[in-house]
Amino acid sequence: MDTRSASPQDGTVTWPLGGSFLLTGVVVAFVCAPPTLHSWKQLLLLACFYLLVAACVHTLAVMVVYRLQRGGGSLREWVLLWPTVWGAWIAVVWLPLAALLTNEHSRWISVVLPVTAVFAVLYARSRQALEEAESDGVAEAGRVEGSGLFVLEEPAPLWRVLLPCVLTAVALEGAMAMLGAEHAWIAGALLACAAAYVTDRLLKRTVSGNSAGRDRTMRQASTGNSVAVWMLTVLALLPFLAGVTSAVRGIMGMPAAVQAAPHAPRLPSGGSPGSSGYTGVILTLPRKPREVIAPRLGTHVQGFSKSRLIPFDGTYWYFKSPDTRPAPNARVVQGDPLKRQIRSADALPLLMEAHQPLGDEMEMSCCRTLQLNLVNADAVPGTIALEAVLRDTSGRTITAVALGSKVLPSSTVSPMPLHREPVHETMVFAIPRSASGRRFDEITVRLKPERTRWLAGPHVSIESFLFER
């Protein structure tokens, strides 16, 4: 009995390859979601984990398909299965990266999908050529003499030749249109179809070689693809690393306006013990005329009689725990918190506060609610909480009344898209009746990102405050 006839080398490769693509694609679509990272170790290990999951599921899928096709097999047949596992891995290895870029809504998916299709066709065509060569050898050995000297093949119909070319051209034009409309995944799928057809036509008459040499080449190519995909996965995960530089965000297609703020100077004496000598940053806004002045109490004990809007023209403080404010010699820079990238220089959390002086004192009984209007341009996964505080800085000691904390709804989106437009939001805080009779001359907003992303200041800008009766 010829054991080669029962090996997985024979027969079509459609079922093992297709089954692995389906099962592995479904699993990595759920596993390879945009994470929250705050260390390089986590990033590198996560990239390895994604590839490991894909490899295990791929191997299991090929074995299941083989068992369904063959109904079991001897130990030798299971050993001969590994060339199929290695060969199909040359294309399946790209699925974790494709799933991650899809979840990130990245434009680079339009490149990864065609590459995956090219390697899938390369493996399928290579395996098919080997099977045809083995079948031709068997047929040549059993050919009966005198069966004929000439074989006349009928030419293929013209439509069968032209239709694939026309469809390929339409797919390319559609892909360009989808890229212009920012539908990267659809564009990638169309490019994958076109690339698969072109690759199949190019390889149809060029694939040759013996089985051992072909399997060795497939193993080398699969290993090379694994290394390349791991490196690209690390690059795709960089935008989710706290404190990532603006250059990497630009490579991944994130808004180019993000700028890296200069590091704050260190105190000559080493600074406070808990902050590693980091004095903090005070971010100021360009001066602009105020449309409405701060509400003045005047002679009206009950405060103003209608709602008043106060545009924000204060400062943003960045400092590190356990400090309560930037040091007197903290670096003062001008800029927009939506565009400035300010991060901690070590593992200590970075705190951010917005301070709006009112100039004159107001009574807490002036209004019932404080409405906070802001813009959230942050695209890093992780929730951001806001706490509003009314402070009285006129006396020797600063007194404050906290209005509570609320989580920004736009920061709870999952998965977080990389190219999200800035979101305008409104937060309403109730002023407690128990604070009636107390006064305040400053509004403070504390921004509290969750622990996994507290090494960088959130890209949140305060637009205005609205006091309502």
Protein backbone atom coordinates (compact mmCIF):
# COMPACT_ATOMS: atom_id res chain seq x y z
CA MET A 1 0.00 0.00 0.00
CA ASP A 2 1.31 3.46 -0.89
CA THR A 3 1.17 5.52 2.31
CA ARG A 4 1.60 8.69 0.27
CA SER A 5 -1.95 8.35 -0.99
CA ALA A 6 -3.28 8.75 2.55
CA SER A 7 -1.03 11.62 3.56
CA PRO A 8 -2.22 15.18 3.86
CA GLN A 9 0.11 16.13 1.04
CA ASP A 10 -2.49 14.85 -1.42
CA GLY A 11 -5.90 16.32 -1.98
CA THR A 12 -7.04 19.89 -2.03
CA VAL A 13 -5.61 22.53 0.36
CA THR A 14 -8.83 24.51 0.35
CA TRP A 15 -10.31 22.87 3.44
CA PRO A 16 -7.28 23.11 5.78
CA LEU A 17 -6.45 26.65 4.71
CA GLY A 18 -10.05 27.84 4.70
CA GLY A 19 -10.87 26.18 8.02
CA SER A 20 -7.84 27.75 9.67
CA PHE A 21 -8.66 31.19 8.25
CA LEU A 22 -12.22 30.96 9.55
CA LEU A 23 -11.50 29.64 13.04
CA THR A 24 -8.33 31.67 13.66
CA GLY A 25 -9.94 34.82 12.29
CA VAL A 26 -12.91 34.51 14.67
CA VAL A 27 -10.72 33.91 17.71
CA VAL A 28 -8.20 36.72 17.06
CA ALA A 29 -11.03 39.13 16.29
CA PHE A 30 -12.05 38.86 19.95
CA VAL A 31 -8.56 38.49 21.45
CA CYS A 32 -6.68 41.20 19.53
CA ALA A 33 -8.61 44.19 20.85
CA PRO A 34 -6.92 47.57 21.53
CA PRO A 35 -5.48 47.24 25.05
CA THR A 36 -4.32 49.67 27.73
CA LEU A 37 -0.55 49.53 28.23
CA HIS A 38 1.77 51.40 30.53
CA SER A 39 5.09 49.58 30.11
CA TRP A 40 7.26 48.24 27.30
CA LYS A 41 7.29 44.82 28.93
CA GLN A 42 3.51 44.57 28.66
CA LEU A 43 3.63 45.66 25.03
CA LEU A 44 6.24 43.09 23.95
CA LEU A 45 4.59 40.25 25.86
CA LEU A 46 1.18 41.12 24.43
CA ALA A 47 2.53 40.97 20.86
CA CYS A 48 3.95 37.50 21.62
CA PHE A 49 0.65 36.43 23.17
CA TYR A 50 -1.34 37.44 20.09
CA LEU A 51 0.89 35.33 17.81
CA LEU A 52 0.87 32.40 20.24
CA VAL A 53 -2.92 32.33 20.33
CA ALA A 54 -3.11 32.45 16.54
CA ALA A 55 -0.54 29.63 16.21
CA CYS A 56 -2.38 27.34 18.64
CA VAL A 57 -5.78 27.93 17.03
CA HIS A 58 -4.31 27.49 13.54
CA THR A 59 -2.71 24.15 14.43
CA LEU A 60 -5.92 22.94 16.06
CA ALA A 61 -7.99 24.00 13.06
CA VAL A 62 -5.77 22.18 10.56
CA MET A 63 -5.82 19.01 12.67
CA VAL A 64 -9.62 19.12 13.02
CA VAL A 65 -10.10 19.59 9.28
CA TYR A 66 -7.66 16.76 8.54
CA ARG A 67 -9.48 14.44 10.93
CA LEU A 68 -12.83 15.28 9.35
CA GLN A 69 -11.38 14.60 5.90
CA ARG A 70 -9.48 11.40 6.73
CA GLY A 71 -11.43 10.07 9.70
CA GLY A 72 -8.25 9.67 11.77
CA GLY A 73 -4.88 8.31 10.71
CA SER A 74 -1.66 6.62 11.70
CA LEU A 75 1.21 8.30 13.52
CA ARG A 76 3.09 8.68 10.24
CA GLU A 77 0.16 10.49 8.70
CA TRP A 78 -0.01 12.91 11.64
CA VAL A 79 3.72 13.61 11.21
CA LEU A 80 3.19 14.35 7.53
CA LEU A 81 0.54 16.88 8.58
CA TRP A 82 3.10 19.38 9.91
CA PRO A 83 4.22 20.61 6.46
CA THR A 84 0.61 21.63 5.90
CA VAL A 85 0.55 23.46 9.25
CA TRP A 86 3.78 25.30 8.46
CA GLY A 87 2.75 26.06 4.89
CA ALA A 88 -0.64 27.54 5.74
CA TRP A 89 0.91 29.54 8.61
CA ILE A 90 2.67 31.71 6.02
CA ALA A 91 -0.70 33.44 5.45
CA VAL A 92 -2.58 32.81 8.71
CA VAL A 93 0.16 34.55 10.72
CA TRP A 94 -1.08 37.90 9.38
CA LEU A 95 -4.55 37.50 10.91
CA PRO A 96 -3.69 38.84 14.43
CA LEU A 97 -2.25 42.02 12.93
CA ALA A 98 -5.26 42.37 10.63
CA ALA A 99 -7.65 41.94 13.58
CA LEU A 100 -5.78 44.49 15.68
CA LEU A 101 -5.73 47.09 12.88
CA THR A 102 -9.43 46.45 12.21
CA ASN A 103 -10.30 47.07 15.86
CA GLU A 104 -8.15 50.22 15.81
CA HIS A 105 -9.88 51.47 12.63
CA SER A 106 -6.43 51.98 11.14
CA ARG A 107 -5.87 52.81 7.47
CA TRP A 108 -2.99 50.30 7.39
CA ILE A 109 -5.53 47.48 7.16
CA SER A 110 -5.78 48.31 3.45
CA VAL A 111 -2.17 47.09 3.12
CA VAL A 112 -2.25 44.07 5.43
CA LEU A 113 -5.26 42.41 3.76
CA PRO A 114 -3.66 42.29 0.28
CA VAL A 115 -0.42 40.96 1.77
CA THR A 116 -2.37 38.19 3.51
CA ALA A 117 -4.12 37.31 0.26
CA VAL A 118 -0.82 37.15 -1.64
CA PHE A 119 0.71 34.68 0.83
CA ALA A 120 -2.47 32.58 0.89
CA VAL A 121 -2.40 32.26 -2.91
CA LEU A 122 1.34 31.55 -2.80
CA TYR A 123 0.83 28.60 -0.45
CA ALA A 124 -2.24 27.27 -2.28
CA ARG A 125 -0.58 27.47 -5.68
CA SER A 126 2.63 25.86 -4.39
CA ARG A 127 0.77 22.93 -2.83
CA GLN A 128 -1.45 22.52 -5.86
CA ALA A 129 1.56 22.41 -8.19
CA LEU A 130 3.13 19.67 -6.04
CA GLU A 131 -0.03 17.57 -6.12
CA GLU A 132 -0.38 18.01 -9.89
CA ALA A 133 3.25 16.95 -10.36
CA GLU A 134 2.68 13.78 -8.31
CA SER A 135 -0.55 13.02 -10.17
CA ASP A 136 1.17 13.50 -13.53
CA GLY A 137 3.93 11.09 -12.48
CA VAL A 138 1.41 8.39 -11.61
CA ALA A 139 -0.47 8.95 -14.85
CA GLU A 140 2.73 8.80 -16.89
CA ALA A 141 3.65 5.43 -15.33
CA GLY A 142 0.28 3.90 -16.12
CA ARG A 143 -0.22 5.39 -19.55
CA VAL A 144 -1.08 2.79 -22.22
CA GLU A 145 0.92 2.96 -25.40
CA GLY A 146 -0.95 3.77 -28.55
CA SER A 147 -3.55 5.88 -26.84
CA GLY A 148 -2.67 8.75 -29.15
CA LEU A 149 0.22 10.93 -30.19
CA PHE A 150 -1.51 14.28 -30.15
CA VAL A 151 -3.88 16.00 -27.75
CA LEU A 152 -5.93 18.90 -29.06
CA GLU A 153 -7.13 21.32 -26.36
CA GLU A 154 -10.00 23.63 -27.11
CA PRO A 155 -9.32 27.31 -26.41
CA ALA A 156 -11.14 28.87 -23.49
CA PRO A 157 -14.09 31.16 -24.31
CA LEU A 158 -13.20 34.84 -24.67
CA TRP A 159 -15.47 35.91 -21.82
CA ARG A 160 -13.69 33.55 -19.43
CA VAL A 161 -10.41 35.28 -20.25
CA LEU A 162 -11.68 38.86 -20.15
CA LEU A 163 -14.07 38.69 -17.18
CA PRO A 164 -11.39 38.21 -14.46
CA CYS A 165 -9.36 41.09 -15.91
CA VAL A 166 -12.38 43.37 -15.96
CA LEU A 167 -13.33 42.44 -12.39
CA THR A 168 -9.74 43.04 -11.25
CA ALA A 169 -9.74 46.51 -12.81
CA VAL A 170 -13.10 47.29 -11.20
CA ALA A 171 -11.78 46.09 -7.82
CA LEU A 172 -8.73 48.37 -8.10
CA GLU A 173 -10.83 51.39 -9.01
CA GLY A 174 -13.27 50.62 -6.21
CA ALA A 175 -10.40 50.29 -3.74
CA MET A 176 -9.08 53.73 -4.67
CA ALA A 177 -12.57 55.20 -4.23
CA MET A 178 -12.98 53.52 -0.84
CA LEU A 179 -9.60 54.84 0.31
CA GLY A 180 -10.68 58.33 -0.65
CA ALA A 181 -13.88 57.86 1.33
CA GLU A 182 -11.86 56.58 4.34
CA HIS A 183 -13.32 53.06 4.21
CA ALA A 184 -9.98 51.35 4.68
CA TRP A 185 -11.28 47.84 5.37
CA ILE A 186 -13.44 47.70 2.24
CA ALA A 187 -10.54 49.09 0.21
CA GLY A 188 -8.25 46.43 1.66
CA ALA A 189 -10.72 43.66 0.80
CA LEU A 190 -10.98 44.86 -2.81
CA LEU A 191 -7.19 45.13 -3.09
CA ALA A 192 -6.89 41.62 -1.63
CA CYS A 193 -9.13 40.23 -4.38
CA ALA A 194 -7.12 41.97 -7.08
CA ALA A 195 -3.80 40.92 -5.57
CA ALA A 196 -4.95 37.31 -5.22
CA TYR A 197 -5.89 37.09 -8.91
CA VAL A 198 -2.69 38.73 -10.16
CA THR A 199 -0.53 36.53 -7.91
CA ASP A 200 -2.34 33.40 -9.04
CA ARG A 201 -1.76 34.21 -12.70
CA LEU A 202 1.93 34.98 -12.12
CA LEU A 203 2.58 31.81 -10.13
CA LYS A 204 0.52 29.43 -12.25
CA ARG A 205 3.39 28.54 -14.55
CA THR A 206 6.40 29.37 -12.37
CA VAL A 207 5.98 27.22 -9.26
CA SER A 208 8.23 24.16 -9.43
CA GLY A 209 10.59 22.12 -7.31
CA ASN A 210 10.67 18.99 -5.23
CA SER A 211 8.61 18.35 -2.11
CA ALA A 212 11.50 18.53 0.38
CA GLY A 213 12.83 21.79 -1.03
CA ARG A 214 9.37 23.32 -1.14
CA ASP A 215 8.58 22.39 2.48
CA ARG A 216 11.91 23.82 3.62
CA THR A 217 11.23 27.05 1.75
CA MET A 218 7.75 27.28 3.30
CA ARG A 219 9.16 26.82 6.81
CA GLN A 220 11.71 29.57 6.22
CA ALA A 221 9.09 31.90 4.78
CA SER A 222 6.69 31.18 7.66
CA THR A 223 9.42 31.92 10.20
CA GLY A 224 10.29 35.16 8.44
CA ASN A 225 6.65 36.18 8.30
CA SER A 226 6.28 35.46 12.02
CA VAL A 227 9.15 37.80 12.88
CA ALA A 228 7.84 40.51 10.55
CA VAL A 229 4.29 40.28 11.90
CA TRP A 230 5.53 40.38 15.50
CA MET A 231 7.48 43.60 14.79
CA LEU A 232 4.51 45.17 13.01
CA THR A 233 2.23 44.16 15.90
CA VAL A 234 4.55 45.90 18.34
CA LEU A 235 4.35 49.02 16.17
CA ALA A 236 0.55 48.77 16.01
CA LEU A 237 0.37 48.59 19.82
CA LEU A 238 2.58 51.65 20.40
CA PRO A 239 -0.30 54.20 20.29
CA PHE A 240 -1.78 52.48 23.36
CA LEU A 241 1.41 52.88 25.40
CA ALA A 242 1.24 55.71 27.94
CA GLY A 243 3.59 58.56 27.06
CA VAL A 244 4.00 57.55 23.42
CA THR A 245 5.83 60.11 21.29
CA SER A 246 4.13 62.17 18.60
CA ALA A 247 6.35 60.63 15.88
CA VAL A 248 4.90 57.16 16.50
CA ARG A 249 1.37 58.54 16.55
CA GLY A 250 2.04 60.13 13.16
CA ILE A 251 3.28 56.82 11.74
CA MET A 252 0.09 55.12 12.87
CA GLY A 253 -2.04 57.83 11.25
CA MET A 254 -3.01 59.64 14.44
CA PRO A 255 -3.51 63.46 14.40
CA ALA A 256 -0.22 65.17 13.59
CA ALA A 257 -0.98 68.20 15.76
CA VAL A 258 0.11 66.45 18.95
CA GLN A 259 3.40 67.97 20.07
CA ALA A 260 5.83 66.86 22.72
CA ALA A 261 6.17 69.41 25.45
CA PRO A 262 9.68 70.02 26.73
CA HIS A 263 10.62 68.35 29.98
CA ALA A 264 10.35 70.50 33.03
CA PRO A 265 13.67 71.37 34.65
CA ARG A 266 14.81 69.55 37.76
CA LEU A 267 15.45 71.34 41.00
CA PRO A 268 19.17 71.74 41.75
CA SER A 269 18.55 70.34 45.21
CA GLY A 270 16.65 67.35 43.90
CA GLY A 271 13.11 68.68 44.45
CA SER A 272 10.55 67.22 46.77
CA PRO A 273 11.18 63.65 47.95
CA GLY A 274 8.06 62.20 46.36
CA SER A 275 8.34 63.71 42.87
CA SER A 276 11.88 62.78 41.80
CA GLY A 277 12.80 66.45 41.42
CA TYR A 278 10.12 67.12 38.78
CA THR A 279 8.78 70.62 39.46
CA GLY A 280 5.75 70.46 37.16
CA VAL A 281 4.36 72.42 34.19
CA ILE A 282 1.92 75.33 34.07
CA LEU A 283 0.17 75.61 30.72
CA THR A 284 -1.28 79.03 29.85
CA LEU A 285 -3.66 79.94 27.05
CA PRO A 286 -3.26 82.88 24.63
CA ARG A 287 -5.05 85.91 25.95
CA LYS A 288 -8.45 86.62 24.40
CA PRO A 289 -11.19 89.11 25.24
CA ARG A 290 -13.85 87.71 27.53
CA GLU A 291 -17.36 87.90 26.17
CA VAL A 292 -19.02 87.95 29.60
CA ILE A 293 -17.33 88.99 32.84
CA ALA A 294 -17.51 86.84 35.94
CA PRO A 295 -20.80 87.25 37.84
CA ARG A 296 -20.39 89.78 40.64
CA LEU A 297 -22.27 89.53 43.87
CA GLY A 298 -22.54 93.31 44.39
CA THR A 299 -25.37 94.37 46.65
CA HIS A 300 -27.62 91.46 45.67
CA VAL A 301 -27.58 88.92 48.45
CA GLN A 302 -29.28 86.31 46.26
CA GLY A 303 -26.66 86.68 43.51
CA PHE A 304 -27.49 87.20 39.82
CA SER A 305 -30.97 86.64 38.44
CA LYS A 306 -30.13 84.66 35.29
CA SER A 307 -27.59 82.24 33.91
CA ARG A 308 -24.09 83.56 33.28
CA LEU A 309 -21.42 82.15 30.99
CA ILE A 310 -17.74 82.37 31.90
CA PRO A 311 -15.29 81.44 29.10
CA PHE A 312 -12.23 79.63 30.40
CA ASP A 313 -9.05 81.69 30.28
CA GLY A 314 -7.20 80.23 33.25
CA THR A 315 -4.23 77.87 33.49
CA TYR A 316 -3.60 74.14 33.51
CA TRP A 317 -1.39 72.63 36.19
CA TYR A 318 0.64 69.45 35.72
CA PHE A 319 2.43 68.00 38.72
CA LYS A 320 3.20 64.64 40.28
CA SER A 321 1.98 62.96 43.43
CA PRO A 322 2.34 63.54 46.33
CA ASP A 323 2.70 67.26 45.44
CA THR A 324 -0.49 69.35 45.55
CA ARG A 325 0.61 71.93 42.97
CA PRO A 326 3.57 72.79 40.72
CA ALA A 327 6.62 74.19 42.51
CA PRO A 328 7.32 77.96 42.34
CA ASN A 329 10.02 77.40 39.70
CA ALA A 330 7.85 75.14 37.53
CA ARG A 331 8.16 75.59 33.79
CA VAL A 332 5.52 77.93 32.32
CA VAL A 333 4.63 77.31 28.67
CA GLN A 334 1.88 78.51 26.37
CA GLY A 335 -0.21 76.08 24.40
CA ASP A 336 -3.36 74.05 23.99
CA PRO A 337 -3.90 70.94 26.15
CA LEU A 338 -5.49 69.26 23.13
CA LYS A 339 -2.18 69.46 21.26
CA ARG A 340 0.49 69.40 23.95
CA GLN A 341 1.91 66.03 25.03
CA ILE A 342 2.97 66.28 28.67
CA ARG A 343 4.02 63.11 30.46
CA SER A 344 5.67 61.91 33.63
CA ALA A 345 9.44 61.41 33.50
CA ASP A 346 9.25 58.33 35.74
CA ALA A 347 6.70 55.90 37.16
CA LEU A 348 4.97 58.47 39.40
CA PRO A 349 1.43 59.46 38.30
CA LEU A 350 0.96 62.81 36.56
CA LEU A 351 -1.87 64.97 37.91
CA MET A 352 -3.70 67.62 35.88
CA GLU A 353 -5.89 70.49 37.09
CA ALA A 354 -7.60 73.43 35.36
CA HIS A 355 -7.84 76.65 37.40
CA GLN A 356 -10.20 79.52 36.56
CA PRO A 357 -9.89 82.63 38.81
CA LEU A 358 -13.07 84.72 39.01
CA GLY A 359 -11.58 87.97 40.30
CA ASP A 360 -14.48 88.70 42.66
CA GLU A 361 -16.05 86.55 45.30
CA MET A 362 -19.39 84.86 44.75
CA GLU A 363 -21.79 83.25 47.17
CA MET A 364 -22.64 79.57 46.83
CA SER A 365 -26.34 80.51 46.95
CA CYS A 366 -26.02 82.36 43.64
CA CYS A 367 -27.01 79.31 41.61
CA ARG A 368 -28.12 75.69 41.72
CA THR A 369 -25.83 74.05 39.19
CA LEU A 370 -22.47 74.51 37.52
CA GLN A 371 -22.35 73.40 33.89
CA LEU A 372 -18.90 72.50 32.57
CA ASN A 373 -18.39 72.66 28.78
CA LEU A 374 -15.28 70.91 27.48
CA VAL A 375 -13.63 69.20 24.50
CA ASN A 376 -12.15 65.69 24.72
CA ALA A 377 -9.57 64.96 22.00
CA ASP A 378 -7.96 62.02 23.84
CA ALA A 379 -7.67 58.77 21.87
CA VAL A 380 -5.95 56.65 24.53
CA PRO A 381 -8.11 53.84 26.00
CA GLY A 382 -9.05 54.38 29.63
CA THR A 383 -11.66 56.36 31.51
CA ILE A 384 -11.19 59.98 32.58
CA ALA A 385 -13.03 61.34 35.62
CA LEU A 386 -13.63 65.04 36.29
CA GLU A 387 -14.03 66.62 39.72
CA ALA A 388 -15.31 70.18 40.07
CA VAL A 389 -14.25 72.21 43.12
CA LEU A 390 -15.24 75.74 44.17
CA ARG A 391 -12.39 77.36 46.12
CA ASP A 392 -12.01 80.48 48.22
CA THR A 393 -8.42 81.75 48.03
CA SER A 394 -9.01 85.18 49.60
CA GLY A 395 -8.17 84.18 53.17
CA ARG A 396 -5.02 82.93 54.78
CA THR A 397 -6.24 79.37 54.37
CA ILE A 398 -7.83 78.06 51.19
CA THR A 399 -11.27 76.53 51.67
CA ALA A 400 -12.97 74.40 49.08
CA VAL A 401 -16.31 72.76 48.36
CA ALA A 402 -16.18 69.66 46.14
CA LEU A 403 -19.12 69.20 43.76
CA GLY A 404 -18.37 65.55 43.08
CA SER A 405 -16.71 63.49 40.32
CA LYS A 406 -18.14 62.26 37.04
CA VAL A 407 -16.66 60.09 34.28
CA LEU A 408 -16.48 61.51 30.77
CA PRO A 409 -18.81 59.38 28.60
CA SER A 410 -16.51 59.80 25.59
CA SER A 411 -13.63 58.21 27.53
CA THR A 412 -15.56 54.96 28.07
CA VAL A 413 -15.73 54.08 24.35
CA SER A 414 -14.30 50.61 23.63
CA PRO A 415 -12.51 49.95 21.41
CA MET A 416 -11.09 53.47 21.24
CA PRO A 417 -10.66 54.60 17.59
CA LEU A 418 -7.30 56.14 16.69
CA HIS A 419 -8.76 58.79 14.40
CA ARG A 420 -11.64 60.03 16.51
CA GLU A 421 -12.59 63.66 16.08
CA PRO A 422 -12.61 65.87 19.23
CA VAL A 423 -15.82 65.35 21.21
CA HIS A 424 -17.69 68.31 22.74
CA GLU A 425 -19.28 67.37 26.05
CA THR A 426 -21.19 68.99 28.88
CA MET A 427 -20.99 67.95 32.53
CA VAL A 428 -23.46 69.31 35.10
CA PHE A 429 -22.57 69.49 38.81
CA ALA A 430 -25.08 70.38 41.51
CA ILE A 431 -24.02 72.95 44.11
CA PRO A 432 -25.01 71.56 47.55
CA ARG A 433 -27.50 73.56 49.60
CA SER A 434 -25.40 72.91 52.68
CA ALA A 435 -22.75 75.25 51.23
CA SER A 436 -25.15 78.22 51.24
CA GLY A 437 -23.54 81.27 52.81
CA ARG A 438 -20.00 80.29 51.79
CA ARG A 439 -18.11 82.14 49.09
CA PHE A 440 -15.68 81.23 46.32
CA ASP A 441 -13.43 83.09 43.88
CA GLU A 442 -11.96 80.23 41.82
CA ILE A 443 -13.20 77.16 39.94
CA THR A 444 -10.91 74.13 39.88
CA VAL A 445 -11.41 71.09 37.65
CA ARG A 446 -9.35 68.00 38.46
CA LEU A 447 -8.84 65.48 35.67
CA LYS A 448 -8.32 61.95 36.94
CA PRO A 449 -7.40 59.31 34.31
CA GLU A 450 -7.51 55.70 35.38
CA ARG A 451 -4.40 54.03 36.78
CA THR A 452 -3.30 52.35 33.54
CA ARG A 453 -2.91 55.72 31.75
CA TRP A 454 -1.94 58.19 34.47
CA LEU A 455 1.64 58.70 33.19
CA ALA A 456 0.49 61.22 30.55
CA GLY A 457 -1.78 64.24 30.75
CA PRO A 458 -5.18 63.73 29.04
CA HIS A 459 -5.99 65.82 25.97
CA VAL A 460 -9.01 67.58 27.48
CA SER A 461 -9.70 71.31 27.16
CA ILE A 462 -12.11 73.34 29.30
CA GLU A 463 -14.19 75.68 27.13
CA SER A 464 -16.48 77.51 29.54
CA PHE A 465 -18.51 77.42 32.76
CA LEU A 466 -22.22 78.16 33.01
CA PHE A 467 -23.87 79.01 36.32
CA GLU A 468 -27.64 78.41 36.34
CA ARG A 469 -30.23 79.55 38.85
